[in-house]
C-alpha atoms as a PDB file:
ATOM      1  CA  UNK A   1      72.700  21.567-157.349  1.00  0.00           C
ATOM      2  CA  UNK A   2      70.576  20.383-154.411  1.00  0.00           C
ATOM      3  CA  UNK A   3      69.653  22.662-151.494  1.00  0.00           C
ATOM      4  CA  UNK A   4      68.421  21.582-148.073  1.00  0.00           C
ATOM      5  CA  UNK A   5      65.575  23.902-147.121  1.00  0.00           C
ATOM      6  CA  UNK A   6      63.583  24.182-143.890  1.00  0.00           C
ATOM      7  CA  UNK A   7      60.247  25.966-144.410  1.00  0.00           C
ATOM      8  CA  UNK A   8      58.240  27.899-141.813  1.00  0.00           C
ATOM      9  CA  UNK A   9      54.779  28.626-143.234  1.00  0.00           C
ATOM     10  CA  UNK A  10      52.430  31.304-141.861  1.00  0.00           C
ATOM     11  CA  UNK A  11      55.261  33.604-140.788  1.00  0.00           C
ATOM     12  CA  UNK A  12      54.744  37.323-140.363  1.00  0.00           C
ATOM     13  CA  UNK A  13      56.944  38.123-143.386  1.00  0.00           C
ATOM     14  CA  UNK A  14      58.857  36.390-146.167  1.00  0.00           C
ATOM     15  CA  UNK A  15      62.586  35.975-145.647  1.00  0.00           C
ATOM     16  CA  UNK A  16      65.487  33.600-146.299  1.00  0.00           C
ATOM     17  CA  UNK A  17      68.140  32.843-143.671  1.00  0.00           C
ATOM     18  CA  UNK A  18      71.280  30.730-143.879  1.00  0.00           C
ATOM     19  CA  UNK A  19      71.399  28.252-141.015  1.00  0.00           C
ATOM     20  CA  UNK A  20      74.471  26.031-141.086  1.00  0.00           C
ATOM     21  CA  UNK A  21      74.353  24.040-144.330  1.00  0.00           C
ATOM     22  CA  UNK A  22      70.630  24.730-144.818  1.00  0.00           C
ATOM     23  CA  UNK A  23      68.424  27.582-145.855  1.00  0.00           C
ATOM     24  CA  UNK A  24      65.604  28.473-143.513  1.00  0.00           C
ATOM     25  CA  UNK A  25      62.759  30.077-145.428  1.00  0.00           C
ATOM     26  CA  UNK A  26      59.905  31.908-143.709  1.00  0.00           C
ATOM     27  CA  UNK A  27      56.737  32.156-145.803  1.00  0.00           C
ATOM     28  CA  UNK A  28      53.499  34.057-145.216  1.00  0.00           C
ATOM     29  CA  UNK A  29      51.344  31.518-147.091  1.00  0.00           C
ATOM     30  CA  UNK A  30      49.802  28.512-145.292  1.00  0.00           C
ATOM     31  CA  UNK A  31      50.906  24.984-146.096  1.00  0.00           C
ATOM     32  CA  UNK A  32      47.671  23.959-147.827  1.00  0.00           C
ATOM     33  CA  UNK A  33      46.872  23.341-151.485  1.00  0.00           C
ATOM     34  CA  UNK A  34      50.536  23.869-152.409  1.00  0.00           C
ATOM     35  CA  UNK A  35      50.433  27.612-151.662  1.00  0.00           C
ATOM     36  CA  UNK A  36      53.578  27.567-149.521  1.00  0.00           C
ATOM     37  CA  UNK A  37      55.460  25.466-152.111  1.00  0.00           C
ATOM     38  CA  UNK A  38      54.615  27.932-154.884  1.00  0.00           C
ATOM     39  CA  UNK A  39      55.666  30.847-152.694  1.00  0.00           C
ATOM     40  CA  UNK A  40      58.898  29.004-151.805  1.00  0.00           C
ATOM     41  CA  UNK A  41      59.830  28.700-155.483  1.00  0.00           C
ATOM     42  CA  UNK A  42      58.956  32.377-156.092  1.00  0.00           C
ATOM     43  CA  UNK A  43      61.032  33.524-153.118  1.00  0.00           C
ATOM     44  CA  UNK A  44      64.023  31.325-153.980  1.00  0.00           C
ATOM     45  CA  UNK A  45      63.999  32.481-157.598  1.00  0.00           C
ATOM     46  CA  UNK A  46      64.335  36.089-156.431  1.00  0.00           C
ATOM     47  CA  UNK A  47      66.901  35.226-153.750  1.00  0.00           C
ATOM     48  CA  UNK A  48      69.071  33.196-156.145  1.00  0.00           C
ATOM     49  CA  UNK A  49      68.459  35.372-159.198  1.00  0.00           C
ATOM     50  CA  UNK A  50      67.102  32.487-161.279  1.00  0.00           C
ATOM     51  CA  UNK A  51      63.999  31.879-163.363  1.00  0.00           C
ATOM     52  CA  UNK A  52      61.200  29.945-161.632  1.00  0.00           C
ATOM     53  CA  UNK A  53      61.373  27.043-164.105  1.00  0.00           C
ATOM     54  CA  UNK A  54      64.932  26.278-162.960  1.00  0.00           C
ATOM     55  CA  UNK A  55      63.810  25.508-159.397  1.00  0.00           C
ATOM     56  CA  UNK A  56      61.796  22.467-158.355  1.00  0.00           C
ATOM     57  CA  UNK A  57      61.045  20.631-155.155  1.00  0.00           C
ATOM     58  CA  UNK A  58      62.742  17.268-155.478  1.00  0.00           C
ATOM     59  CA  UNK A  59      61.396  15.791-152.235  1.00  0.00           C
ATOM     60  CA  UNK A  60      59.437  16.892-149.198  1.00  0.00           C
ATOM     61  CA  UNK A  61      56.447  18.545-150.883  1.00  0.00           C
ATOM     62  CA  UNK A  62      54.343  17.779-147.803  1.00  0.00           C
ATOM     63  CA  UNK A  63      57.107  18.310-145.255  1.00  0.00           C
ATOM     64  CA  UNK A  64      58.827  21.302-143.665  1.00  0.00           C
ATOM     65  CA  UNK A  65      62.209  19.851-144.668  1.00  0.00           C
ATOM     66  CA  UNK A  66      62.643  19.880-148.438  1.00  0.00           C
ATOM     67  CA  UNK A  67      65.275  19.103-151.026  1.00  0.00           C
ATOM     68  CA  UNK A  68      65.177  21.745-153.743  1.00  0.00           C
ATOM     69  CA  UNK A  69      66.873  21.086-157.059  1.00  0.00           C
ATOM     70  CA  UNK A  70      68.416  23.947-159.022  1.00  0.00           C
ATOM     71  CA  UNK A  71      68.832  23.307-162.749  1.00  0.00           C
ATOM     72  CA  UNK A  72      71.859  25.323-163.826  1.00  0.00           C
ATOM     73  CA  UNK A  73      72.100  23.858-167.343  1.00  0.00           C
ATOM     74  CA  UNK A  74      69.225  25.730-168.990  1.00  0.00           C
END
């Protein structure tokens, strides 16, 4: 499964919102040295109830708009 995700780094608190066909994810970490990407995977794993290793950023590692792949086969 592929999710369209819009990330807002440096927010006041972590949260996930549904916005149309996308998820909008607010993260407290800055978008430097991959901190926000790691926090995104942590937050999505809790939100979706999946292990971290099942979630990876397929494209957009350096962008606010990301495609996140969920591996449901493992």
